[in-house]
Amino acid sequence: MAKEITVRIATSWDDVSLEKFTALQNIDPNLSNEDSYIAAIVALSNLSREEVLDLPYPEFVKLSTRLNFMKSLPKERKPSPVLTIDGKQYTVTTSGRNLIAGQYLDFKRLLATENCDMRLARLCACFIYPQGCHYGEGYDTEEHVRVLWEHMSAVEAHSLMAFFTKKSEKSIRNTLKSLERQMKKLKTKTAEQAKLKTEIVAKLREVREIVSRTSGGLWKY
Protein backbone atom coordinates (compact mmCIF):
# COMPACT_ATOMS: atom_id res chain seq x y z
CA MET A 1 0.00 0.00 0.00
CA ALA A 2 1.42 3.36 -1.05
CA LYS A 3 2.37 5.79 1.69
CA GLU A 4 -0.20 8.58 1.98
CA ILE A 5 1.39 12.04 1.92
CA THR A 6 -0.26 15.29 2.95
CA VAL A 7 1.16 17.83 0.53
CA ARG A 8 1.75 21.40 1.69
CA ILE A 9 2.97 23.83 -0.97
CA ALA A 10 3.25 27.61 -1.32
CA THR A 11 0.69 28.98 -3.77
CA SER A 12 1.60 32.71 -3.64
CA TRP A 13 4.64 34.86 -2.90
CA ASP A 14 3.13 35.58 0.52
CA ASP A 15 3.64 31.89 1.34
CA VAL A 16 7.29 31.87 0.27
CA SER A 17 9.76 32.28 3.14
CA LEU A 18 13.26 33.64 2.64
CA GLU A 19 14.56 30.08 2.99
CA LYS A 20 12.27 28.86 0.20
CA PHE A 21 13.01 31.92 -1.93
CA THR A 22 16.74 31.25 -1.70
CA ALA A 23 16.16 27.62 -2.66
CA LEU A 24 14.31 28.85 -5.77
CA GLN A 25 17.19 31.18 -6.64
CA ASN A 26 19.62 28.28 -6.39
CA ILE A 27 17.80 26.12 -8.95
CA ASP A 28 20.08 25.40 -11.90
CA PRO A 29 18.84 27.56 -14.84
CA ASN A 30 20.09 24.91 -17.28
CA LEU A 31 17.59 22.26 -16.11
CA SER A 32 14.84 21.07 -18.42
CA ASN A 33 11.31 22.39 -17.84
CA GLU A 34 10.27 19.17 -16.11
CA ASP A 35 13.29 19.12 -13.82
CA SER A 36 12.82 22.82 -13.05
CA TYR A 37 9.22 22.15 -11.99
CA ILE A 38 10.36 19.25 -9.82
CA ALA A 39 13.06 21.42 -8.17
CA ALA A 40 10.55 24.24 -7.61
CA ILE A 41 7.99 21.88 -6.05
CA VAL A 42 10.68 20.50 -3.74
CA ALA A 43 11.72 24.04 -2.77
CA LEU A 44 8.17 25.20 -2.07
CA SER A 45 6.64 22.09 -0.50
CA ASN A 46 7.23 19.51 2.21
CA LEU A 47 8.16 16.88 -0.38
CA SER A 48 11.55 15.44 -1.24
CA ARG A 49 12.60 14.91 -4.86
CA GLU A 50 11.97 11.17 -4.47
CA GLU A 51 8.46 11.80 -3.15
CA VAL A 52 7.69 14.15 -6.06
CA LEU A 53 8.87 11.50 -8.54
CA ASP A 54 6.60 8.93 -6.84
CA LEU A 55 3.49 11.11 -7.27
CA PRO A 56 0.81 10.05 -9.76
CA TYR A 57 1.33 12.13 -12.90
CA PRO A 58 -2.06 13.95 -12.62
CA GLU A 59 -1.08 15.01 -9.08
CA PHE A 60 2.29 16.23 -10.36
CA VAL A 61 0.54 18.34 -13.04
CA LYS A 62 -1.85 19.70 -10.40
CA LEU A 63 1.04 20.78 -8.17
CA SER A 64 2.87 22.31 -11.15
CA THR A 65 -0.11 24.55 -11.99
CA ARG A 66 0.00 25.93 -8.45
CA LEU A 67 3.34 27.50 -9.31
CA ASN A 68 1.79 29.91 -11.82
CA PHE A 69 2.25 32.76 -9.33
CA MET A 70 6.00 32.56 -10.06
CA LYS A 71 5.43 33.92 -13.57
CA SER A 72 5.22 37.43 -12.11
CA LEU A 73 7.19 39.22 -9.42
CA PRO A 74 5.51 40.08 -6.12
CA LYS A 75 3.94 43.52 -5.89
CA GLU A 76 5.84 45.98 -3.78
CA ARG A 77 4.05 47.60 -0.88
CA LYS A 78 5.16 50.24 1.58
CA PRO A 79 6.81 48.49 4.52
CA SER A 80 4.71 48.46 7.68
CA PRO A 81 6.36 49.91 10.83
CA VAL A 82 5.22 46.79 12.70
CA LEU A 83 5.27 43.20 11.40
CA THR A 84 3.88 40.03 12.92
CA ILE A 85 6.15 37.09 12.08
CA ASP A 86 5.58 33.62 13.51
CA GLY A 87 3.15 35.07 16.06
CA LYS A 88 5.53 37.74 17.39
CA GLN A 89 5.63 41.47 16.70
CA TYR A 90 8.66 43.24 15.29
CA THR A 91 9.59 46.88 14.84
CA VAL A 92 10.54 47.79 11.26
CA THR A 93 12.70 50.79 10.42
CA THR A 94 10.81 52.48 7.59
CA SER A 95 12.58 55.85 7.50
CA GLY A 96 16.16 56.74 6.82
CA ARG A 97 15.93 59.36 9.56
CA ASN A 98 15.23 56.62 12.11
CA LEU A 99 18.15 54.50 10.93
CA ILE A 100 21.01 54.36 13.45
CA ALA A 101 24.66 54.11 12.40
CA GLY A 102 24.91 50.48 13.55
CA GLN A 103 22.06 49.41 11.25
CA TYR A 104 23.51 51.22 8.23
CA LEU A 105 27.04 49.88 8.78
CA ASP A 106 25.79 46.30 9.29
CA PHE A 107 23.73 46.55 6.09
CA LYS A 108 26.66 47.91 4.04
CA ARG A 109 28.96 45.18 5.40
CA LEU A 110 26.49 42.42 4.50
CA LEU A 111 25.98 43.81 1.01
CA ALA A 112 29.69 43.30 0.43
CA THR A 113 29.58 39.75 1.83
CA GLU A 114 27.99 37.51 -0.81
CA ASN A 115 28.64 34.05 0.65
CA CYS A 116 27.22 34.08 4.17
CA ASP A 117 24.66 31.81 5.80
CA MET A 118 21.02 33.05 5.61
CA ARG A 119 22.18 36.23 3.85
CA LEU A 120 18.73 37.60 2.92
CA ALA A 121 17.52 37.17 6.50
CA ARG A 122 20.62 38.93 7.81
CA LEU A 123 20.02 41.85 5.42
CA CYS A 124 16.41 42.14 6.59
CA ALA A 125 17.50 41.85 10.23
CA CYS A 126 19.33 45.16 9.77
CA PHE A 127 15.93 46.86 9.64
CA ILE A 128 13.78 44.52 11.76
CA TYR A 129 14.08 43.73 15.46
CA PRO A 130 11.76 42.48 18.23
CA GLN A 131 9.29 45.06 19.47
CA GLY A 132 10.35 46.56 22.79
CA CYS A 133 14.05 46.04 22.06
CA HIS A 134 16.80 48.32 20.79
CA TYR A 135 18.53 47.27 17.57
CA GLY A 136 21.08 44.55 18.37
CA GLU A 137 20.28 44.56 22.09
CA GLY A 138 17.93 42.56 24.31
CA TYR A 139 17.50 39.58 21.95
CA ASP A 140 19.41 36.67 20.49
CA THR A 141 20.51 38.03 17.11
CA GLU A 142 21.21 34.60 15.59
CA GLU A 143 17.82 33.24 16.68
CA HIS A 144 16.24 36.40 15.27
CA VAL A 145 17.91 35.79 11.90
CA ARG A 146 16.72 32.16 11.93
CA VAL A 147 13.10 33.23 12.58
CA LEU A 148 13.21 35.68 9.66
CA TRP A 149 14.83 33.05 7.45
CA GLU A 150 12.13 30.46 8.15
CA HIS A 151 9.03 32.64 8.50
CA MET A 152 9.39 36.08 6.86
CA SER A 153 7.62 36.19 3.50
CA ALA A 154 9.42 37.09 0.28
CA VAL A 155 6.82 39.84 -0.29
CA GLU A 156 7.64 41.64 2.96
CA ALA A 157 11.39 41.22 2.42
CA HIS A 158 11.21 42.34 -1.23
CA SER A 159 9.24 45.46 -0.24
CA LEU A 160 11.71 46.30 2.52
CA MET A 161 14.79 45.81 0.32
CA ALA A 162 13.23 47.77 -2.55
CA PHE A 163 12.30 50.61 -0.18
CA PHE A 164 15.83 51.06 1.15
CA THR A 165 17.44 50.41 -2.24
CA LYS A 166 15.40 53.22 -3.78
CA LYS A 167 16.25 55.51 -0.86
CA SER A 168 19.92 54.72 -1.38
CA GLU A 169 19.68 55.17 -5.16
CA LYS A 170 18.00 58.56 -4.70
CA SER A 171 20.79 59.66 -2.39
CA ILE A 172 23.45 58.47 -4.87
CA ARG A 173 21.70 60.23 -7.78
CA ASN A 174 21.49 63.49 -5.84
CA THR A 175 25.18 63.27 -4.90
CA LEU A 176 26.20 62.59 -8.51
CA LYS A 177 24.02 65.44 -9.76
CA SER A 178 25.63 67.80 -7.23
CA LEU A 179 29.12 66.70 -8.31
CA GLU A 180 28.11 67.19 -11.93
CA ARG A 181 27.02 70.79 -11.24
CA GLN A 182 30.23 71.50 -9.31
CA MET A 183 32.37 70.14 -12.14
CA LYS A 184 30.55 72.31 -14.70
CA LYS A 185 31.34 75.41 -12.61
CA LEU A 186 35.01 74.43 -12.27
CA LYS A 187 37.25 76.80 -14.21
CA THR A 188 39.92 75.31 -16.45
CA LYS A 189 43.14 76.91 -17.63
CA THR A 190 44.24 74.56 -20.38
CA ALA A 191 42.64 72.60 -23.20
CA GLU A 192 43.71 69.38 -21.48
CA GLN A 193 41.95 70.39 -18.25
CA ALA A 194 38.82 71.38 -20.22
CA LYS A 195 38.81 67.99 -21.96
CA LEU A 196 39.20 66.16 -18.63
CA LYS A 197 36.37 68.22 -17.13
CA THR A 198 34.07 67.32 -20.03
CA GLU A 199 34.93 63.62 -19.67
CA ILE A 200 34.27 63.65 -15.90
CA VAL A 201 30.90 65.40 -16.33
CA ALA A 202 29.89 62.87 -19.00
CA LYS A 203 30.95 59.96 -16.78
CA LEU A 204 29.00 61.33 -13.79
CA ARG A 205 25.91 61.67 -15.97
CA GLU A 206 26.38 58.13 -17.30
CA VAL A 207 26.68 56.64 -13.78
CA ARG A 208 23.61 58.61 -12.64
CA GLU A 209 21.57 57.18 -15.54
CA ILE A 210 22.76 53.63 -14.73
CA VAL A 211 21.70 54.04 -11.09
CA SER A 212 18.30 55.33 -12.23
CA ARG A 213 17.75 52.17 -14.29
CA THR A 214 18.71 49.82 -11.46
CA SER A 215 15.85 47.81 -9.94
CA GLY A 216 15.52 47.16 -6.22
CA GLY A 217 14.21 44.37 -4.04
CA LEU A 218 15.36 40.82 -3.46
CA TRP A 219 16.01 40.26 -7.16
CA LYS A 220 18.90 42.69 -6.92
CA TYR A 221 20.61 40.62 -4.22
C-alpha atoms as a PDB file:
ATOM      1  CA  MET A   1       0.000   0.000   0.000  1.00  0.00           C
ATOM      2  CA  ALA A   2       1.415   3.363  -1.047  1.00  0.00           C
ATOM      3  CA  LYS A   3       2.367   5.786   1.686  1.00  0.00           C
ATOM      4  CA  GLU A   4      -0.203   8.577   1.979  1.00  0.00           C
ATOM      5  CA  ILE A   5       1.386  12.036   1.923  1.00  0.00           C
ATOM      6  CA  THR A   6      -0.259  15.289   2.947  1.00  0.00           C
ATOM      7  CA  VAL A   7       1.157  17.833   0.534  1.00  0.00           C
ATOM      8  CA  ARG A   8       1.751  21.402   1.686  1.00  0.00           C
ATOM      9  CA  ILE A   9       2.971  23.832  -0.967  1.00  0.00           C
ATOM     10  CA  ALA A  10       3.249  27.605  -1.318  1.00  0.00           C
ATOM     11  CA  THR A  11       0.687  28.985  -3.766  1.00  0.00           C
ATOM     12  CA  SER A  12       1.595  32.706  -3.639  1.00  0.00           C
ATOM     13  CA  TRP A  13       4.636  34.862  -2.904  1.00  0.00           C
ATOM     14  CA  ASP A  14       3.134  35.578   0.525  1.00  0.00           C
ATOM     15  CA  ASP A  15       3.638  31.888   1.337  1.00  0.00           C
ATOM     16  CA  VAL A  16       7.294  31.865   0.271  1.00  0.00           C
ATOM     17  CA  SER A  17       9.759  32.282   3.138  1.00  0.00           C
ATOM     18  CA  LEU A  18      13.261  33.639   2.645  1.00  0.00           C
ATOM     19  CA  GLU A  19      14.557  30.082   2.991  1.00  0.00           C
ATOM     20  CA  LYS A  20      12.268  28.864   0.196  1.00  0.00           C
ATOM     21  CA  PHE A  21      13.006  31.923  -1.930  1.00  0.00           C
ATOM     22  CA  THR A  22      16.743  31.251  -1.697  1.00  0.00           C
ATOM     23  CA  ALA A  23      16.156  27.618  -2.661  1.00  0.00           C
ATOM     24  CA  LEU A  24      14.311  28.852  -5.772  1.00  0.00           C
ATOM     25  CA  GLN A  25      17.189  31.180  -6.640  1.00  0.00           C
ATOM     26  CA  ASN A  26      19.617  28.284  -6.387  1.00  0.00           C
ATOM     27  CA  ILE A  27      17.799  26.119  -8.953  1.00  0.00           C
ATOM     28  CA  ASP A  28      20.085  25.404 -11.901  1.00  0.00           C
ATOM     29  CA  PRO A  29      18.839  27.557 -14.835  1.00  0.00           C
ATOM     30  CA  ASN A  30      20.086  24.912 -17.279  1.00  0.00           C
ATOM     31  CA  LEU A  31      17.595  22.258 -16.107  1.00  0.00           C
ATOM     32  CA  SER A  32      14.840  21.069 -18.423  1.00  0.00           C
ATOM     33  CA  ASN A  33      11.315  22.391 -17.844  1.00  0.00           C
ATOM     34  CA  GLU A  34      10.266  19.172 -16.112  1.00  0.00           C
ATOM     35  CA  ASP A  35      13.292  19.120 -13.816  1.00  0.00           C
ATOM     36  CA  SER A  36      12.819  22.816 -13.055  1.00  0.00           C
ATOM     37  CA  TYR A  37       9.225  22.154 -11.994  1.00  0.00           C
ATOM     38  CA  ILE A  38      10.361  19.249  -9.817  1.00  0.00           C
ATOM     39  CA  ALA A  39      13.058  21.415  -8.174  1.00  0.00           C
ATOM     40  CA  ALA A  40      10.552  24.237  -7.610  1.00  0.00           C
ATOM     41  CA  ILE A  41       7.988  21.881  -6.049  1.00  0.00           C
ATOM     42  CA  VAL A  42      10.682  20.497  -3.739  1.00  0.00           C
ATOM     43  CA  ALA A  43      11.718  24.044  -2.775  1.00  0.00           C
ATOM     44  CA  LEU A  44       8.169  25.197  -2.071  1.00  0.00           C
ATOM     45  CA  SER A  45       6.641  22.087  -0.504  1.00  0.00           C
ATOM     46  CA  ASN A  46       7.226  19.513   2.215  1.00  0.00           C
ATOM     47  CA  LEU A  47       8.157  16.880  -0.381  1.00  0.00           C
ATOM     48  CA  SER A  48      11.553  15.437  -1.236  1.00  0.00           C
ATOM     49  CA  ARG A  49      12.599  14.907  -4.860  1.00  0.00           C
ATOM     50  CA  GLU A  50      11.972  11.167  -4.472  1.00  0.00           C
ATOM     51  CA  GLU A  51       8.456  11.799  -3.155  1.00  0.00           C
ATOM     52  CA  VAL A  52       7.691  14.146  -6.058  1.00  0.00           C
ATOM     53  CA  LEU A  53       8.866  11.503  -8.539  1.00  0.00           C
ATOM     54  CA  ASP A  54       6.599   8.927  -6.844  1.00  0.00           C
ATOM     55  CA  LEU A  55       3.491  11.114  -7.267  1.00  0.00           C
ATOM     56  CA  PRO A  56       0.812  10.050  -9.765  1.00  0.00           C
ATOM     57  CA  TYR A  57       1.328  12.129 -12.904  1.00  0.00           C
ATOM     58  CA  PRO A  58      -2.056  13.955 -12.623  1.00  0.00           C
ATOM     59  CA  GLU A  59      -1.076  15.014  -9.081  1.00  0.00           C
ATOM     60  CA  PHE A  60       2.291  16.235 -10.358  1.00  0.00           C
ATOM     61  CA  VAL A  61       0.544  18.341 -13.039  1.00  0.00           C
ATOM     62  CA  LYS A  62      -1.850  19.701 -10.404  1.00  0.00           C
ATOM     63  CA  LEU A  63       1.039  20.782  -8.174  1.00  0.00           C
ATOM     64  CA  SER A  64       2.868  22.307 -11.146  1.00  0.00           C
ATOM     65  CA  THR A  65      -0.110  24.546 -11.987  1.00  0.00           C
ATOM     66  CA  ARG A  66      -0.001  25.925  -8.445  1.00  0.00           C
ATOM     67  CA  LEU A  67       3.341  27.496  -9.306  1.00  0.00           C
ATOM     68  CA  ASN A  68       1.794  29.908 -11.819  1.00  0.00           C
ATOM     69  CA  PHE A  69       2.255  32.759  -9.326  1.00  0.00           C
ATOM     70  CA  MET A  70       5.998  32.557 -10.057  1.00  0.00           C
ATOM     71  CA  LYS A  71       5.431  33.921 -13.566  1.00  0.00           C
ATOM     72  CA  SER A  72       5.215  37.432 -12.114  1.00  0.00           C
ATOM     73  CA  LEU A  73       7.194  39.218  -9.421  1.00  0.00           C
ATOM     74  CA  PRO A  74       5.509  40.076  -6.125  1.00  0.00           C
ATOM     75  CA  LYS A  75       3.940  43.515  -5.893  1.00  0.00           C
ATOM     76  CA  GLU A  76       5.843  45.980  -3.776  1.00  0.00           C
ATOM     77  CA  ARG A  77       4.055  47.600  -0.875  1.00  0.00           C
ATOM     78  CA  LYS A  78       5.156  50.241   1.575  1.00  0.00           C
ATOM     79  CA  PRO A  79       6.812  48.488   4.525  1.00  0.00           C
ATOM     80  CA  SER A  80       4.706  48.458   7.675  1.00  0.00           C
ATOM     81  CA  PRO A  81       6.362  49.908  10.829  1.00  0.00           C
ATOM     82  CA  VAL A  82       5.220  46.785  12.697  1.00  0.00           C
ATOM     83  CA  LEU A  83       5.274  43.201  11.396  1.00  0.00           C
ATOM     84  CA  THR A  84       3.884  40.030  12.916  1.00  0.00           C
ATOM     85  CA  ILE A  85       6.152  37.091  12.083  1.00  0.00           C
ATOM     86  CA  ASP A  86       5.579  33.621  13.507  1.00  0.00           C
ATOM     87  CA  GLY A  87       3.149  35.068  16.056  1.00  0.00           C
ATOM     88  CA  LYS A  88       5.531  37.742  17.386  1.00  0.00           C
ATOM     89  CA  GLN A  89       5.630  41.471  16.696  1.00  0.00           C
ATOM     90  CA  TYR A  90       8.658  43.237  15.287  1.00  0.00           C
ATOM     91  CA  THR A  91       9.593  46.875  14.840  1.00  0.00           C
ATOM     92  CA  VAL A  92      10.540  47.791  11.260  1.00  0.00           C
ATOM     93  CA  THR A  93      12.705  50.788  10.419  1.00  0.00           C
ATOM     94  CA  THR A  94      10.813  52.485   7.588  1.00  0.00           C
ATOM     95  CA  SER A  95      12.575  55.848   7.498  1.00  0.00           C
ATOM     96  CA  GLY A  96      16.164  56.744   6.819  1.00  0.00           C
ATOM     97  CA  ARG A  97      15.932  59.363   9.561  1.00  0.00           C
ATOM     98  CA  ASN A  98      15.229  56.619  12.109  1.00  0.00           C
ATOM     99  CA  LEU A  99      18.154  54.500  10.930  1.00  0.00           C
ATOM    100  CA  ILE A 100      21.012  54.360  13.446  1.00  0.00           C
ATOM    101  CA  ALA A 101      24.661  54.106  12.401  1.00  0.00           C
ATOM    102  CA  GLY A 102      24.910  50.475  13.548  1.00  0.00           C
ATOM    103  CA  GLN A 103      22.064  49.409  11.246  1.00  0.00           C
ATOM    104  CA  TYR A 104      23.510  51.219   8.235  1.00  0.00           C
ATOM    105  CA  LEU A 105      27.044  49.879   8.779  1.00  0.00           C
ATOM    106  CA  ASP A 106      25.795  46.301   9.287  1.00  0.00           C
ATOM    107  CA  PHE A 107      23.730  46.555   6.087  1.00  0.00           C
ATOM    108  CA  LYS A 108      26.659  47.908   4.038  1.00  0.00           C
ATOM    109  CA  ARG A 109      28.961  45.182   5.400  1.00  0.00           C
ATOM    110  CA  LEU A 110      26.490  42.421   4.502  1.00  0.00           C
ATOM    111  CA  LEU A 111      25.981  43.812   1.010  1.00  0.00           C
ATOM    112  CA  ALA A 112      29.687  43.299   0.428  1.00  0.00           C
ATOM    113  CA  THR A 113      29.575  39.745   1.830  1.00  0.00           C
ATOM    114  CA  GLU A 114      27.992  37.506  -0.810  1.00  0.00           C
ATOM    115  CA  ASN A 115      28.644  34.054   0.652  1.00  0.00           C
ATOM    116  CA  CYS A 116      27.220  34.082   4.168  1.00  0.00           C
ATOM    117  CA  ASP A 117      24.658  31.815   5.797  1.00  0.00           C
ATOM    118  CA  MET A 118      21.020  33.054   5.614  1.00  0.00           C
ATOM    119  CA  ARG A 119      22.178  36.234   3.853  1.00  0.00           C
ATOM    120  CA  LEU A 120      18.734  37.599   2.923  1.00  0.00           C
ATOM    121  CA  ALA A 121      17.516  37.170   6.496  1.00  0.00           C
ATOM    122  CA  ARG A 122      20.623  38.934   7.812  1.00  0.00           C
ATOM    123  CA  LEU A 123      20.015  41.847   5.419  1.00  0.00           C
ATOM    124  CA  CYS A 124      16.405  42.143   6.588  1.00  0.00           C
ATOM    125  CA  ALA A 125      17.497  41.848  10.229  1.00  0.00           C
ATOM    126  CA  CYS A 126      19.329  45.159   9.773  1.00  0.00           C
ATOM    127  CA  PHE A 127      15.930  46.864   9.638  1.00  0.00           C
ATOM    128  CA  ILE A 128      13.776  44.524  11.762  1.00  0.00           C
ATOM    129  CA  TYR A 129      14.083  43.729  15.462  1.00  0.00           C
ATOM    130  CA  PRO A 130      11.759  42.477  18.232  1.00  0.00           C
ATOM    131  CA  GLN A 131       9.291  45.062  19.469  1.00  0.00           C
ATOM    132  CA  GLY A 132      10.345  46.558  22.791  1.00  0.00           C
ATOM    133  CA  CYS A 133      14.050  46.036  22.062  1.00  0.00           C
ATOM    134  CA  HIS A 134      16.800  48.320  20.791  1.00  0.00           C
ATOM    135  CA  TYR A 135      18.535  47.265  17.571  1.00  0.00           C
ATOM    136  CA  GLY A 136      21.081  44.546  18.369  1.00  0.00           C
ATOM    137  CA  GLU A 137      20.276  44.562  22.091  1.00  0.00           C
ATOM    138  CA  GLY A 138      17.929  42.557  24.313  1.00  0.00           C
ATOM    139  CA  TYR A 139      17.495  39.585  21.953  1.00  0.00           C
ATOM    140  CA  ASP A 140      19.413  36.671  20.490  1.00  0.00           C
ATOM    141  CA  THR A 141      20.509  38.035  17.107  1.00  0.00           C
ATOM    142  CA  GLU A 142      21.213  34.599  15.593  1.00  0.00           C
ATOM    143  CA  GLU A 143      17.821  33.239  16.679  1.00  0.00           C
ATOM    144  CA  HIS A 144      16.243  36.402  15.269  1.00  0.00           C
ATOM    145  CA  VAL A 145      17.908  35.785  11.896  1.00  0.00           C
ATOM    146  CA  ARG A 146      16.716  32.159  11.930  1.00  0.00           C
ATOM    147  CA  VAL A 147      13.098  33.230  12.582  1.00  0.00           C
ATOM    148  CA  LEU A 148      13.206  35.685   9.665  1.00  0.00           C
ATOM    149  CA  TRP A 149      14.829  33.046   7.445  1.00  0.00           C
ATOM    150  CA  GLU A 150      12.131  30.463   8.146  1.00  0.00           C
ATOM    151  CA  HIS A 151       9.026  32.642   8.503  1.00  0.00           C
ATOM    152  CA  MET A 152       9.392  36.080   6.861  1.00  0.00           C
ATOM    153  CA  SER A 153       7.624  36.192   3.496  1.00  0.00           C
ATOM    154  CA  ALA A 154       9.421  37.094   0.279  1.00  0.00           C
ATOM    155  CA  VAL A 155       6.822  39.840  -0.292  1.00  0.00           C
ATOM    156  CA  GLU A 156       7.640  41.643   2.962  1.00  0.00           C
ATOM    157  CA  ALA A 157      11.388  41.222   2.423  1.00  0.00           C
ATOM    158  CA  HIS A 158      11.206  42.336  -1.226  1.00  0.00           C
ATOM    159  CA  SER A 159       9.239  45.456  -0.243  1.00  0.00           C
ATOM    160  CA  LEU A 160      11.712  46.301   2.518  1.00  0.00           C
ATOM    161  CA  MET A 161      14.787  45.809   0.323  1.00  0.00           C
ATOM    162  CA  ALA A 162      13.230  47.775  -2.554  1.00  0.00           C
ATOM    163  CA  PHE A 163      12.300  50.609  -0.178  1.00  0.00           C
ATOM    164  CA  PHE A 164      15.834  51.063   1.152  1.00  0.00           C
ATOM    165  CA  THR A 165      17.440  50.406  -2.243  1.00  0.00           C
ATOM    166  CA  LYS A 166      15.395  53.220  -3.781  1.00  0.00           C
ATOM    167  CA  LYS A 167      16.246  55.508  -0.860  1.00  0.00           C
ATOM    168  CA  SER A 168      19.924  54.716  -1.375  1.00  0.00           C
ATOM    169  CA  GLU A 169      19.683  55.168  -5.156  1.00  0.00           C
ATOM    170  CA  LYS A 170      18.000  58.558  -4.702  1.00  0.00           C
ATOM    171  CA  SER A 171      20.790  59.663  -2.393  1.00  0.00           C
ATOM    172  CA  ILE A 172      23.447  58.469  -4.867  1.00  0.00           C
ATOM    173  CA  ARG A 173      21.704  60.226  -7.777  1.00  0.00           C
ATOM    174  CA  ASN A 174      21.491  63.489  -5.843  1.00  0.00           C
ATOM    175  CA  THR A 175      25.177  63.269  -4.902  1.00  0.00           C
ATOM    176  CA  LEU A 176      26.195  62.586  -8.507  1.00  0.00           C
ATOM    177  CA  LYS A 177      24.018  65.443  -9.758  1.00  0.00           C
ATOM    178  CA  SER A 178      25.629  67.803  -7.228  1.00  0.00           C
ATOM    179  CA  LEU A 179      29.122  66.699  -8.311  1.00  0.00           C
ATOM    180  CA  GLU A 180      28.113  67.187 -11.933  1.00  0.00           C
ATOM    181  CA  ARG A 181      27.020  70.788 -11.235  1.00  0.00           C
ATOM    182  CA  GLN A 182      30.229  71.502  -9.310  1.00  0.00           C
ATOM    183  CA  MET A 183      32.372  70.139 -12.145  1.00  0.00           C
ATOM    184  CA  LYS A 184      30.547  72.312 -14.702  1.00  0.00           C
ATOM    185  CA  LYS A 185      31.342  75.411 -12.609  1.00  0.00           C
ATOM    186  CA  LEU A 186      35.009  74.433 -12.271  1.00  0.00           C
ATOM    187  CA  LYS A 187      37.251  76.797 -14.211  1.00  0.00           C
ATOM    188  CA  THR A 188      39.923  75.307 -16.453  1.00  0.00           C
ATOM    189  CA  LYS A 189      43.139  76.908 -17.628  1.00  0.00           C
ATOM    190  CA  THR A 190      44.242  74.561 -20.378  1.00  0.00           C
ATOM    191  CA  ALA A 191      42.642  72.604 -23.198  1.00  0.00           C
ATOM    192  CA  GLU A 192      43.707  69.381 -21.484  1.00  0.00           C
ATOM    193  CA  GLN A 193      41.946  70.392 -18.253  1.00  0.00           C
ATOM    194  CA  ALA A 194      38.824  71.376 -20.218  1.00  0.00           C
ATOM    195  CA  LYS A 195      38.813  67.993 -21.963  1.00  0.00           C
ATOM    196  CA  LEU A 196      39.202  66.160 -18.635  1.00  0.00           C
ATOM    197  CA  LYS A 197      36.368  68.221 -17.129  1.00  0.00           C
ATOM    198  CA  THR A 198      34.069  67.324 -20.035  1.00  0.00           C
ATOM    199  CA  GLU A 199      34.928  63.624 -19.668  1.00  0.00           C
ATOM    200  CA  ILE A 200      34.267  63.653 -15.903  1.00  0.00           C
ATOM    201  CA  VAL A 201      30.898  65.401 -16.329  1.00  0.00           C
ATOM    202  CA  ALA A 202      29.886  62.869 -18.999  1.00  0.00           C
ATOM    203  CA  LYS A 203      30.951  59.957 -16.781  1.00  0.00           C
ATOM    204  CA  LEU A 204      29.002  61.333 -13.788  1.00  0.00           C
ATOM    205  CA  ARG A 205      25.908  61.668 -15.970  1.00  0.00           C
ATOM    206  CA  GLU A 206      26.385  58.130 -17.298  1.00  0.00           C
ATOM    207  CA  VAL A 207      26.678  56.645 -13.780  1.00  0.00           C
ATOM    208  CA  ARG A 208      23.610  58.607 -12.640  1.00  0.00           C
ATOM    209  CA  GLU A 209      21.574  57.184 -15.535  1.00  0.00           C
ATOM    210  CA  ILE A 210      22.763  53.628 -14.732  1.00  0.00           C
ATOM    211  CA  VAL A 211      21.705  54.037 -11.087  1.00  0.00           C
ATOM    212  CA  SER A 212      18.299  55.328 -12.227  1.00  0.00           C
ATOM    213  CA  ARG A 213      17.748  52.173 -14.287  1.00  0.00           C
ATOM    214  CA  THR A 214      18.715  49.815 -11.459  1.00  0.00           C
ATOM    215  CA  SER A 215      15.845  47.815  -9.939  1.00  0.00           C
ATOM    216  CA  GLY A 216      15.522  47.155  -6.224  1.00  0.00           C
ATOM    217  CA  GLY A 217      14.214  44.365  -4.037  1.00  0.00           C
ATOM    218  CA  LEU A 218      15.360  40.821  -3.463  1.00  0.00           C
ATOM    219  CA  TRP A 219      16.005  40.259  -7.162  1.00  0.00           C
ATOM    220  CA  LYS A 220      18.902  42.691  -6.915  1.00  0.00           C
ATOM    221  CA  TYR A 221      20.609  40.619  -4.223  1.00  0.00           C
END
